[in-house]
Amino acid sequence: MPNLAKFNSRVSIQIRKNKLEKYWFVQNFSDKEEKIELSCELVNLLEDVKDKGTVSLKPFESKVYTLCR
């Protein structure tokens, strides 16, 4: 199962799931750029791209992820 690590408390990661899908809602509540670490490749649904490794979040940016298929 993928792991999303945040580097500080200014980033919120919430998980929502149903029987078929799992979604990660990532929100930067800081006025500075923040980073998260993805343990595997995930689909960034808002930008329609795949992200992996260290991902930067712009100030107050949100991202929504799901598993790659």
N, C-alpha and C. Protein backbone atom coordinates (compact mmCIF):
# COMPACT_ATOMS: atom_id res chain seq x y z
N MET A 1 0.84 -1.17 0.00
CA MET A 1 0.00 0.00 0.00
C MET A 1 0.89 1.24 0.00
N PRO A 2 0.59 2.22 -0.81
CA PRO A 2 1.40 3.43 -0.89
C PRO A 2 1.45 4.19 0.42
N ASN A 3 2.54 4.86 0.61
CA ASN A 3 2.73 5.69 1.78
C ASN A 3 3.03 7.11 1.33
N LEU A 4 2.37 8.09 1.92
CA LEU A 4 2.64 9.50 1.66
C LEU A 4 3.19 10.09 2.95
N ALA A 5 4.40 10.59 2.90
CA ALA A 5 5.01 11.18 4.08
C ALA A 5 5.04 12.69 3.93
N LYS A 6 4.64 13.38 4.98
CA LYS A 6 4.73 14.83 4.97
C LYS A 6 5.90 15.22 5.86
N PHE A 7 6.46 16.39 5.57
CA PHE A 7 7.66 16.81 6.28
C PHE A 7 7.36 17.74 7.45
N ASN A 8 6.12 18.24 7.55
CA ASN A 8 5.77 19.11 8.67
C ASN A 8 4.25 19.18 8.81
N SER A 9 3.80 19.86 9.85
CA SER A 9 2.37 19.91 10.16
C SER A 9 1.58 20.89 9.29
N ARG A 10 2.24 21.62 8.41
CA ARG A 10 1.53 22.58 7.55
C ARG A 10 0.87 21.91 6.36
N VAL A 11 1.16 20.61 6.16
CA VAL A 11 0.56 19.84 5.07
C VAL A 11 -0.40 18.83 5.68
N SER A 12 -1.61 18.79 5.14
CA SER A 12 -2.63 17.84 5.59
C SER A 12 -2.81 16.75 4.54
N ILE A 13 -2.87 15.50 4.99
CA ILE A 13 -3.14 14.38 4.10
C ILE A 13 -4.33 13.62 4.67
N GLN A 14 -5.41 13.58 3.91
CA GLN A 14 -6.62 12.88 4.31
C GLN A 14 -6.91 11.77 3.30
N ILE A 15 -7.38 10.64 3.78
CA ILE A 15 -7.67 9.49 2.91
C ILE A 15 -9.18 9.25 2.90
N ARG A 16 -9.70 9.05 1.71
CA ARG A 16 -11.10 8.67 1.54
C ARG A 16 -11.12 7.43 0.65
N LYS A 17 -11.96 6.47 0.98
CA LYS A 17 -11.98 5.25 0.18
C LYS A 17 -13.40 4.68 0.13
N ASN A 18 -13.62 3.90 -0.90
CA ASN A 18 -14.84 3.11 -1.01
C ASN A 18 -14.41 1.69 -1.35
N LYS A 19 -15.30 0.86 -1.80
CA LYS A 19 -14.96 -0.54 -2.07
C LYS A 19 -13.99 -0.69 -3.23
N LEU A 20 -13.97 0.27 -4.15
CA LEU A 20 -13.16 0.15 -5.35
C LEU A 20 -11.94 1.06 -5.41
N GLU A 21 -12.02 2.22 -4.80
CA GLU A 21 -10.98 3.24 -4.96
C GLU A 21 -10.50 3.78 -3.61
N LYS A 22 -9.30 4.33 -3.64
CA LYS A 22 -8.74 5.02 -2.49
C LYS A 22 -8.17 6.34 -2.99
N TYR A 23 -8.47 7.43 -2.29
CA TYR A 23 -8.03 8.76 -2.70
C TYR A 23 -7.29 9.44 -1.56
N TRP A 24 -6.22 10.14 -1.90
CA TRP A 24 -5.45 10.93 -0.95
C TRP A 24 -5.65 12.40 -1.29
N PHE A 25 -6.15 13.18 -0.33
CA PHE A 25 -6.33 14.62 -0.49
C PHE A 25 -5.19 15.30 0.26
N VAL A 26 -4.34 15.99 -0.48
CA VAL A 26 -3.15 16.61 0.09
C VAL A 26 -3.31 18.12 -0.03
N GLN A 27 -3.18 18.82 1.11
CA GLN A 27 -3.37 20.26 1.11
C GLN A 27 -2.23 20.95 1.85
N ASN A 28 -1.67 21.95 1.21
CA ASN A 28 -0.63 22.77 1.83
C ASN A 28 -1.31 23.99 2.44
N PHE A 29 -1.30 24.09 3.76
CA PHE A 29 -1.91 25.22 4.46
C PHE A 29 -0.89 26.30 4.80
N SER A 30 0.22 26.30 4.10
CA SER A 30 1.30 27.26 4.35
C SER A 30 1.40 28.28 3.21
N ASP A 31 1.95 29.43 3.52
CA ASP A 31 2.21 30.43 2.49
C ASP A 31 3.60 30.23 1.87
N LYS A 32 4.20 29.08 2.15
CA LYS A 32 5.50 28.72 1.57
C LYS A 32 5.36 27.38 0.84
N GLU A 33 6.27 27.13 -0.08
CA GLU A 33 6.29 25.83 -0.76
C GLU A 33 6.64 24.75 0.25
N GLU A 34 5.93 23.63 0.18
CA GLU A 34 6.18 22.49 1.06
C GLU A 34 6.38 21.24 0.20
N LYS A 35 6.88 20.16 0.81
CA LYS A 35 7.15 18.93 0.07
C LYS A 35 6.50 17.74 0.77
N ILE A 36 6.15 16.73 -0.05
CA ILE A 36 5.71 15.43 0.45
C ILE A 36 6.52 14.37 -0.28
N GLU A 37 6.53 13.18 0.27
CA GLU A 37 7.26 12.06 -0.34
C GLU A 37 6.26 10.94 -0.66
N LEU A 38 6.23 10.51 -1.91
CA LEU A 38 5.38 9.41 -2.34
C LEU A 38 6.23 8.14 -2.44
N SER A 39 5.78 7.06 -1.81
CA SER A 39 6.57 5.83 -1.83
C SER A 39 6.41 5.05 -3.13
N CYS A 40 5.42 5.42 -3.94
CA CYS A 40 5.23 4.79 -5.25
C CYS A 40 4.55 5.80 -6.18
N GLU A 41 4.45 5.45 -7.43
CA GLU A 41 3.83 6.34 -8.41
C GLU A 41 2.32 6.39 -8.20
N LEU A 42 1.77 7.61 -8.12
CA LEU A 42 0.34 7.83 -7.96
C LEU A 42 -0.15 8.77 -9.04
N VAL A 43 -1.44 8.68 -9.37
CA VAL A 43 -2.04 9.57 -10.36
C VAL A 43 -2.52 10.83 -9.65
N ASN A 44 -2.03 11.96 -10.13
CA ASN A 44 -2.47 13.27 -9.66
C ASN A 44 -3.71 13.63 -10.47
N LEU A 45 -4.88 13.48 -9.88
CA LEU A 45 -6.14 13.63 -10.62
C LEU A 45 -6.42 15.05 -11.07
N LEU A 46 -5.96 16.05 -10.34
CA LEU A 46 -6.23 17.44 -10.70
C LEU A 46 -5.41 17.90 -11.90
N GLU A 47 -4.25 17.29 -12.10
CA GLU A 47 -3.36 17.69 -13.20
C GLU A 47 -3.26 16.61 -14.27
N ASP A 48 -3.87 15.44 -14.04
CA ASP A 48 -3.85 14.32 -14.97
C ASP A 48 -2.42 13.91 -15.35
N VAL A 49 -1.58 13.77 -14.32
CA VAL A 49 -0.20 13.31 -14.49
C VAL A 49 0.10 12.29 -13.40
N LYS A 50 1.21 11.58 -13.56
CA LYS A 50 1.69 10.65 -12.55
C LYS A 50 2.83 11.31 -11.78
N ASP A 51 2.77 11.24 -10.46
CA ASP A 51 3.80 11.79 -9.60
C ASP A 51 4.45 10.66 -8.83
N LYS A 52 5.74 10.85 -8.50
CA LYS A 52 6.44 9.89 -7.65
C LYS A 52 7.60 10.59 -6.97
N GLY A 53 8.10 9.99 -5.91
CA GLY A 53 9.22 10.57 -5.18
C GLY A 53 8.82 11.82 -4.42
N THR A 54 9.71 12.79 -4.37
CA THR A 54 9.45 14.04 -3.67
C THR A 54 8.63 14.97 -4.57
N VAL A 55 7.52 15.46 -4.03
CA VAL A 55 6.61 16.33 -4.77
C VAL A 55 6.51 17.66 -4.04
N SER A 56 6.62 18.76 -4.78
CA SER A 56 6.48 20.09 -4.20
C SER A 56 5.05 20.56 -4.29
N LEU A 57 4.61 21.23 -3.24
CA LEU A 57 3.29 21.85 -3.20
C LEU A 57 3.48 23.36 -3.10
N LYS A 58 2.91 24.09 -4.03
CA LYS A 58 2.97 25.55 -3.97
C LYS A 58 2.19 26.04 -2.75
N PRO A 59 2.37 27.28 -2.35
CA PRO A 59 1.60 27.81 -1.23
C PRO A 59 0.10 27.61 -1.44
N PHE A 60 -0.55 27.04 -0.46
CA PHE A 60 -2.00 26.79 -0.43
C PHE A 60 -2.49 25.88 -1.56
N GLU A 61 -1.60 25.09 -2.15
CA GLU A 61 -1.98 24.18 -3.23
C GLU A 61 -2.58 22.89 -2.67
N SER A 62 -3.49 22.31 -3.44
CA SER A 62 -4.09 21.02 -3.12
C SER A 62 -3.84 20.05 -4.25
N LYS A 63 -3.72 18.76 -3.89
CA LYS A 63 -3.57 17.70 -4.88
C LYS A 63 -4.47 16.54 -4.44
N VAL A 64 -4.96 15.79 -5.41
CA VAL A 64 -5.77 14.60 -5.13
C VAL A 64 -5.12 13.45 -5.89
N TYR A 65 -4.81 12.37 -5.16
CA TYR A 65 -4.14 11.22 -5.76
C TYR A 65 -4.99 9.97 -5.68
N THR A 66 -4.74 9.07 -6.61
CA THR A 66 -5.29 7.72 -6.56
C THR A 66 -4.22 6.77 -7.10
N LEU A 67 -4.44 5.47 -6.95
CA LEU A 67 -3.48 4.49 -7.43
C LEU A 67 -3.41 4.46 -8.95
N CYS A 68 -2.23 4.17 -9.47
CA CYS A 68 -2.07 3.98 -10.93
C CYS A 68 -2.71 2.66 -11.30
N ARG A 69 -3.26 2.61 -12.49
CA ARG A 69 -3.86 1.35 -12.98
C ARG A 69 -3.12 0.86 -14.16
